[in-house]
C-alpha atoms as a PDB file:
ATOM      1  CA  MET A   1      93.661  91.427  88.074  1.00  0.00           C
ATOM      2  CA  ALA A   2      91.570  91.018  91.268  1.00  0.00           C
ATOM      3  CA  ILE A   3      91.496  93.618  94.039  1.00  0.00           C
ATOM      4  CA  ILE A   4      94.522  92.785  96.365  1.00  0.00           C
ATOM      5  CA  PRO A   5      94.145  94.505  99.725  1.00  0.00           C
ATOM      6  CA  GLN A   6      97.553  95.670 100.861  1.00  0.00           C
ATOM      7  CA  LEU A   7      98.895  97.795 103.658  1.00  0.00           C
ATOM      8  CA  SER A   8     102.293  99.380 104.120  1.00  0.00           C
ATOM      9  CA  ILE A   9     103.474  99.351 107.689  1.00  0.00           C
ATOM     10  CA  LEU A  10     106.606 101.234 108.955  1.00  0.00           C
ATOM     11  CA  GLU A  11     108.063 100.939 112.456  1.00  0.00           C
ATOM     12  CA  SER A  12     109.521 104.046 114.105  1.00  0.00           C
ATOM     13  CA  GLN A  13     113.279 103.983 114.923  1.00  0.00           C
ATOM     14  CA  ASN A  14     112.480 103.856 118.643  1.00  0.00           C
ATOM     15  CA  ALA A  15     110.187 100.911 118.127  1.00  0.00           C
ATOM     16  CA  SER A  16     107.267 102.640 119.839  1.00  0.00           C
ATOM     17  CA  LEU A  17     105.023 103.488 116.850  1.00  0.00           C
ATOM     18  CA  LEU A  18     103.594 101.925 113.701  1.00  0.00           C
ATOM     19  CA  SER A  19     102.603 104.029 110.662  1.00  0.00           C
ATOM     20  CA  ILE A  20     100.046 102.446 108.399  1.00  0.00           C
ATOM     21  CA  TYR A  21      98.773 103.353 105.008  1.00  0.00           C
ATOM     22  CA  ASP A  22      96.887 101.675 102.133  1.00  0.00           C
ATOM     23  CA  ASN A  23      98.502 100.712  98.892  1.00  0.00           C
ATOM     24  CA  THR A  24      95.880  98.318  97.613  1.00  0.00           C
ATOM     25  CA  SER A  25      95.998  97.464  93.892  1.00  0.00           C
ATOM     26  CA  GLY A  26      93.275  96.584  91.521  1.00  0.00           C
ATOM     27  CA  PHE A  27      90.701  99.213  92.085  1.00  0.00           C
ATOM     28  CA  GLY A  28      88.861 100.197  88.860  1.00  0.00           C
ATOM     29  CA  SER A  29      87.489  98.423  85.797  1.00  0.00           C
ATOM     30  CA  PRO A  30      86.845  95.555  85.589  1.00  0.00           C
ATOM     31  CA  ASN A  31      86.807  95.613  89.379  1.00  0.00           C
ATOM     32  CA  PRO A  32      84.869  98.102  91.596  1.00  0.00           C
ATOM     33  CA  ASP A  33      86.376 101.493  92.306  1.00  0.00           C
ATOM     34  CA  SER A  34      87.553 102.332  95.787  1.00  0.00           C
ATOM     35  CA  ASN A  35      84.458 104.433  96.387  1.00  0.00           C
ATOM     36  CA  ALA A  36      82.386 101.268  96.197  1.00  0.00           C
ATOM     37  CA  MET A  37      84.012  99.855  99.290  1.00  0.00           C
ATOM     38  CA  THR A  38      81.612  99.729 102.314  1.00  0.00           C
ATOM     39  CA  SER A  39      83.778  97.854 104.793  1.00  0.00           C
ATOM     40  CA  ALA A  40      87.355  97.062 105.748  1.00  0.00           C
ATOM     41  CA  THR A  41      88.763  94.800 108.434  1.00  0.00           C
ATOM     42  CA  MET A  42      92.349  94.648 109.688  1.00  0.00           C
ATOM     43  CA  VAL A  43      93.437  91.807 111.887  1.00  0.00           C
ATOM     44  CA  PHE A  44      96.855  92.351 113.550  1.00  0.00           C
ATOM     45  CA  SER A  45      98.632  89.277 114.821  1.00  0.00           C
ATOM     46  CA  PHE A  46     102.074  89.609 116.496  1.00  0.00           C
ATOM     47  CA  ASP A  47     104.470  86.725 117.215  1.00  0.00           C
ATOM     48  CA  LYS A  48     105.040  87.949 120.751  1.00  0.00           C
ATOM     49  CA  ILE A  49     101.694  89.524 121.750  1.00  0.00           C
ATOM     50  CA  THR A  50      98.955  87.098 122.919  1.00  0.00           C
ATOM     51  CA  GLY A  51      95.683  87.568 121.058  1.00  0.00           C
ATOM     52  CA  THR A  52      94.820  89.792 118.047  1.00  0.00           C
ATOM     53  CA  THR A  53      93.848  93.396 117.581  1.00  0.00           C
ATOM     54  CA  ILE A  54      90.946  93.931 115.066  1.00  0.00           C
ATOM     55  CA  LEU A  55      89.834  97.101 113.392  1.00  0.00           C
ATOM     56  CA  ASN A  56      86.469  97.163 111.674  1.00  0.00           C
ATOM     57  CA  PHE A  57      85.758 100.215 109.343  1.00  0.00           C
ATOM     58  CA  VAL A  58      82.408 101.291 107.971  1.00  0.00           C
ATOM     59  CA  ILE A  59      82.936 103.249 104.781  1.00  0.00           C
ATOM     60  CA  PHE A  60      80.686 105.355 102.584  1.00  0.00           C
ATOM     61  CA  PHE A  61      82.012 106.855  99.259  1.00  0.00           C
ATOM     62  CA  ASN A  62      85.655 106.996 100.385  1.00  0.00           C
ATOM     63  CA  THR A  63      84.756 108.479 103.813  1.00  0.00           C
ATOM     64  CA  ILE A  64      85.234 106.568 107.009  1.00  0.00           C
ATOM     65  CA  MET A  65      82.053 106.659 109.049  1.00  0.00           C
ATOM     66  CA  SER A  66      82.998 104.578 112.057  1.00  0.00           C
ATOM     67  CA  VAL A  67      85.751 102.300 113.348  1.00  0.00           C
ATOM     68  CA  THR A  68      85.526  99.725 116.049  1.00  0.00           C
ATOM     69  CA  LYS A  69      88.454  98.118 117.843  1.00  0.00           C
ATOM     70  CA  THR A  70      88.501  94.569 119.317  1.00  0.00           C
ATOM     71  CA  ASP A  71      91.567  94.422 121.635  1.00  0.00           C
ATOM     72  CA  THR A  72      93.622  91.366 122.590  1.00  0.00           C
ATOM     73  CA  LEU A  73      91.223  90.667 125.521  1.00  0.00           C
ATOM     74  CA  GLY A  74      88.162  90.808 123.185  1.00  0.00           C
ATOM     75  CA  ASN A  75      86.916  94.146 124.473  1.00  0.00           C
ATOM     76  CA  VAL A  76      85.158  96.158 121.770  1.00  0.00           C
ATOM     77  CA  THR A  77      85.311  99.976 121.598  1.00  0.00           C
ATOM     78  CA  ASN A  78      84.312 102.657 119.195  1.00  0.00           C
ATOM     79  CA  LEU A  79      87.342 104.746 118.179  1.00  0.00           C
ATOM     80  CA  ASP A  80      87.406 108.539 118.000  1.00  0.00           C
ATOM     81  CA  LEU A  81      87.849 109.235 114.290  1.00  0.00           C
ATOM     82  CA  ALA A  82      89.569 112.591 114.906  1.00  0.00           C
ATOM     83  CA  GLU A  83      92.048 111.142 117.363  1.00  0.00           C
ATOM     84  CA  TYR A  84      93.437 108.718 114.780  1.00  0.00           C
ATOM     85  CA  ASP A  85      92.823 110.890 111.701  1.00  0.00           C
ATOM     86  CA  PHE A  86      90.361 108.379 110.329  1.00  0.00           C
ATOM     87  CA  MET A  87      88.890 110.396 107.447  1.00  0.00           C
ATOM     88  CA  ASN A  88      89.493 109.279 103.963  1.00  0.00           C
ATOM     89  CA  PHE A  89      89.613 105.780 102.589  1.00  0.00           C
ATOM     90  CA  PRO A  90      91.924 104.569 101.267  1.00  0.00           C
ATOM     91  CA  ASN A  91      94.602 106.596 103.109  1.00  0.00           C
ATOM     92  CA  THR A  92      97.901 107.288 101.498  1.00  0.00           C
ATOM     93  CA  SER A  93     101.490 107.652 102.761  1.00  0.00           C
ATOM     94  CA  ALA A  94     100.847 111.368 103.247  1.00  0.00           C
ATOM     95  CA  THR A  95      98.012 110.591 105.575  1.00  0.00           C
ATOM     96  CA  ALA A  96      99.356 107.527 107.291  1.00  0.00           C
ATOM     97  CA  TRP A  97      97.686 106.441 110.517  1.00  0.00           C
ATOM     98  CA  GLU A  98      99.924 106.233 113.600  1.00  0.00           C
ATOM     99  CA  PHE A  99      99.390 103.756 116.333  1.00  0.00           C
ATOM    100  CA  PRO A 100     101.556 103.670 119.489  1.00  0.00           C
ATOM    101  CA  ALA A 101     102.642 100.357 120.890  1.00  0.00           C
ATOM    102  CA  SER A 102     100.062 100.779 123.653  1.00  0.00           C
ATOM    103  CA  PHE A 103      97.311 100.557 121.058  1.00  0.00           C
ATOM    104  CA  PHE A 104      98.248  96.902 120.640  1.00  0.00           C
ATOM    105  CA  GLY A 105      98.502  96.081 124.333  1.00  0.00           C
ATOM    106  CA  VAL A 106     102.236  96.874 124.638  1.00  0.00           C
ATOM    107  CA  SER A 107     103.310  99.200 127.375  1.00  0.00           C
ATOM    108  CA  ASN A 108     106.102 101.103 125.671  1.00  0.00           C
ATOM    109  CA  THR A 109     107.870  99.541 122.667  1.00  0.00           C
ATOM    110  CA  PHE A 110     107.702  96.566 120.395  1.00  0.00           C
ATOM    111  CA  ALA A 111     110.128  93.631 120.692  1.00  0.00           C
ATOM    112  CA  ASP A 112     111.566  92.469 117.400  1.00  0.00           C
ATOM    113  CA  GLN A 113     109.136  90.020 115.802  1.00  0.00           C
ATOM    114  CA  TYR A 114     106.921  89.357 112.891  1.00  0.00           C
ATOM    115  CA  LEU A 115     103.514  91.062 112.506  1.00  0.00           C
ATOM    116  CA  THR A 116     100.976  89.414 110.236  1.00  0.00           C
ATOM    117  CA  VAL A 117      98.048  91.652 109.062  1.00  0.00           C
ATOM    118  CA  THR A 118      95.032  90.173 107.336  1.00  0.00           C
ATOM    119  CA  TYR A 119      93.267  92.877 105.396  1.00  0.00           C
ATOM    120  CA  THR A 120      89.726  92.430 104.006  1.00  0.00           C
ATOM    121  CA  LEU A 121      87.797  94.772 101.875  1.00  0.00           C
ATOM    122  CA  GLY A 122      84.067  94.489 100.937  1.00  0.00           C
ATOM    123  CA  ASP A 123      81.588  96.283  98.745  1.00  0.00           C
ATOM    124  CA  GLY A 124      78.502  94.702 100.272  1.00  0.00           C
ATOM    125  CA  SER A 125      78.303  91.848  97.816  1.00  0.00           C
ATOM    126  CA  GLU A 126      81.899  90.658  97.493  1.00  0.00           C
ATOM    127  CA  THR A 127      85.001  90.607  99.755  1.00  0.00           C
ATOM    128  CA  TRP A 128      88.737  90.450  99.012  1.00  0.00           C
ATOM    129  CA  THR A 129      91.285  89.343 101.561  1.00  0.00           C
ATOM    130  CA  ASN A 130      95.043  89.288 101.742  1.00  0.00           C
ATOM    131  CA  ALA A 131      97.524  88.533 104.555  1.00  0.00           C
ATOM    132  CA  THR A 132     100.971  90.130 104.708  1.00  0.00           C
ATOM    133  CA  MET A 133     103.914  89.619 107.110  1.00  0.00           C
ATOM    134  CA  PHE A 134     105.940  92.577 108.273  1.00  0.00           C
ATOM    135  CA  LEU A 135     109.338  92.386 110.084  1.00  0.00           C
ATOM    136  CA  LEU A 136     109.679  94.600 113.193  1.00  0.00           C
ATOM    137  CA  ASP A 137     113.428  94.971 113.796  1.00  0.00           C
ATOM    138  CA  GLN A 138     114.048  98.420 115.176  1.00  0.00           C
ATOM    139  CA  ALA A 139     115.173  97.092 118.583  1.00  0.00           C
ATOM    140  CA  ALA A 140     118.040  95.204 116.965  1.00  0.00           C
ATOM    141  CA  CYS A 141     118.947  98.190 114.742  1.00  0.00           C
ATOM    142  CA  CYS A 142     119.276 100.372 117.771  1.00  0.00           C
ATOM    143  CA  CYS A 143     121.256  97.688 119.581  1.00  0.00           C
ATOM    144  CA  SER A 144     123.713  97.459 116.741  1.00  0.00           C
ATOM    145  CA  GLN A 145     124.277 101.262 116.727  1.00  0.00           C
ATOM    146  CA  LYS A 146     124.784 101.212 120.556  1.00  0.00           C
ATOM    147  CA  ALA A 147     127.238  98.376 120.357  1.00  0.00           C
ATOM    148  CA  ILE A 148     129.337 100.141 117.738  1.00  0.00           C
ATOM    149  CA  ALA A 149     129.273 103.395 119.724  1.00  0.00           C
ATOM    150  CA  ARG A 150     130.301 101.582 122.909  1.00  0.00           C
ATOM    151  CA  TYR A 151     133.155  99.806 121.091  1.00  0.00           C
ATOM    152  CA  ALA A 152     134.313 103.247 119.747  1.00  0.00           C
ATOM    153  CA  ASP A 153     134.397 104.396 123.425  1.00  0.00           C
ATOM    154  CA  ASN A 154     136.385 101.258 124.424  1.00  0.00           C
ATOM    155  CA  ASP A 155     133.346 100.218 126.486  1.00  0.00           C
ATOM    156  CA  CYS A 156     132.700  96.684 125.132  1.00  0.00           C
ATOM    157  CA  LYS A 157     134.456  93.748 123.483  1.00  0.00           C
ATOM    158  CA  ASP A 158     135.020  94.073 119.786  1.00  0.00           C
ATOM    159  CA  SER A 159     133.297  90.711 119.179  1.00  0.00           C
ATOM    160  CA  PHE A 160     129.930  92.018 120.242  1.00  0.00           C
ATOM    161  CA  PRO A 161     129.496  94.702 117.539  1.00  0.00           C
ATOM    162  CA  THR A 162     130.702  92.284 114.838  1.00  0.00           C
ATOM    163  CA  LYS A 163     128.352  89.507 115.946  1.00  0.00           C
ATOM    164  CA  ILE A 164     125.376  91.849 116.248  1.00  0.00           C
ATOM    165  CA  VAL A 165     125.851  93.599 112.949  1.00  0.00           C
ATOM    166  CA  ASN A 166     126.400  90.305 111.137  1.00  0.00           C
ATOM    167  CA  ALA A 167     123.269  88.749 112.776  1.00  0.00           C
ATOM    168  CA  LEU A 168     121.279  91.816 111.796  1.00  0.00           C
ATOM    169  CA  TYR A 169     122.375  91.602 108.198  1.00  0.00           C
ATOM    170  CA  GLY A 170     121.544  87.943 108.217  1.00  0.00           C
ATOM    171  CA  LEU A 171     118.064  88.721 109.504  1.00  0.00           C
ATOM    172  CA  LYS A 172     117.384  91.182 106.769  1.00  0.00           C
ATOM    173  CA  TYR A 173     118.499  88.732 104.098  1.00  0.00           C
ATOM    174  CA  GLN A 174     116.539  85.924 105.576  1.00  0.00           C
ATOM    175  CA  ASN A 175     113.465  88.121 105.592  1.00  0.00           C
ATOM    176  CA  ALA A 176     114.099  89.245 101.998  1.00  0.00           C
ATOM    177  CA  VAL A 177     114.167  85.682 100.726  1.00  0.00           C
ATOM    178  CA  GLY A 178     111.233  84.554 102.829  1.00  0.00           C
ATOM    179  CA  ASN A 179     113.144  82.259 105.141  1.00  0.00           C
ATOM    180  CA  TYR A 180     110.970  83.186 108.163  1.00  0.00           C
ATOM    181  CA  VAL A 181     111.929  80.102 110.320  1.00  0.00           C
ATOM    182  CA  ALA A 182     115.623  81.093 110.183  1.00  0.00           C
ATOM    183  CA  ALA A 183     114.721  84.813 110.672  1.00  0.00           C
ATOM    184  CA  ARG A 184     112.819  84.048 113.830  1.00  0.00           C
ATOM    185  CA  LYS A 185     115.836  82.064 115.166  1.00  0.00           C
ATOM    186  CA  THR A 186     118.053  85.034 114.320  1.00  0.00           C
ATOM    187  CA  ILE A 187     115.759  87.394 116.228  1.00  0.00           C
ATOM    188  CA  THR A 188     116.241  85.272 119.286  1.00  0.00           C
ATOM    189  CA  GLN A 189     119.992  85.203 118.743  1.00  0.00           C
ATOM    190  CA  LEU A 190     120.053  88.983 118.445  1.00  0.00           C
ATOM    191  CA  GLU A 191     118.027  89.378 121.632  1.00  0.00           C
ATOM    192  CA  LYS A 192     120.641  87.313 123.495  1.00  0.00           C
ATOM    193  CA  LEU A 193     123.574  89.108 121.931  1.00  0.00           C
ATOM    194  CA  CYS A 194     122.150  92.546 122.804  1.00  0.00           C
ATOM    195  CA  GLN A 195     121.397  91.403 126.378  1.00  0.00           C
ATOM    196  CA  ASP A 196     124.930  90.038 126.873  1.00  0.00           C
ATOM    197  CA  CYS A 197     126.406  93.219 125.377  1.00  0.00           C
ATOM    198  CA  GLY A 198     124.270  95.501 127.530  1.00  0.00           C
ATOM    199  CA  CYS A 199     123.145  97.222 124.310  1.00  0.00           C
ATOM    200  CA  GLY A 200     119.477  96.418 124.447  1.00  0.00           C
ATOM    201  CA  CYS A 201     116.830  98.837 123.114  1.00  0.00           C
ATOM    202  CA  GLY A 202     113.140  98.723 123.768  1.00  0.00           C
ATOM    203  CA  GLY A 203     111.499  95.417 123.168  1.00  0.00           C
ATOM    204  CA  ASN A 204     109.018  95.608 126.020  1.00  0.00           C
ATOM    205  CA  ASN A 205     105.962  93.557 125.142  1.00  0.00           C
ATOM    206  CA  SER A 206     104.503  93.417 128.629  1.00  0.00           C
END
């Protein structure tokens, strides 16, 4: 089996933070070990954020030597390794890197959307690339909780919590079976339901 670059990305409940760690498979014979990797590139592309954020890593025997960031406007900066805990490569769930929404050009929190990450690893002579889609849905999850709580306090119509929860379940099932066209439509539906209910949470991509 070839090396398959793979990241795990978790969104915080308040939709303000992404935690990222590596779970690449295929290192070791007959493929190179992880300590042979000399470079890594992560390209982050969001449905609702114009442009991409790119991280370029220089690696030497499982140690991250430097990281540059190209932001959504094309500006390139050298990142402080200590600030983001860029130490060992690959990192694990115990050493997940945490990036606030502002890192990707968002002022406070993420709107619900899909995030596609193209992850490339290289050993100086060969590269391996894999793209993965991640669903960000914590704004809708928060909205459903608020709608139920408001209904319990007799503060909203009973139709809102039911519609929001059903749409949220639908979104998760659509995502699970890879029906991304329908899932994106459901995200839009949830945004309107939460706005009409007055139960919106986060979702600021400005």
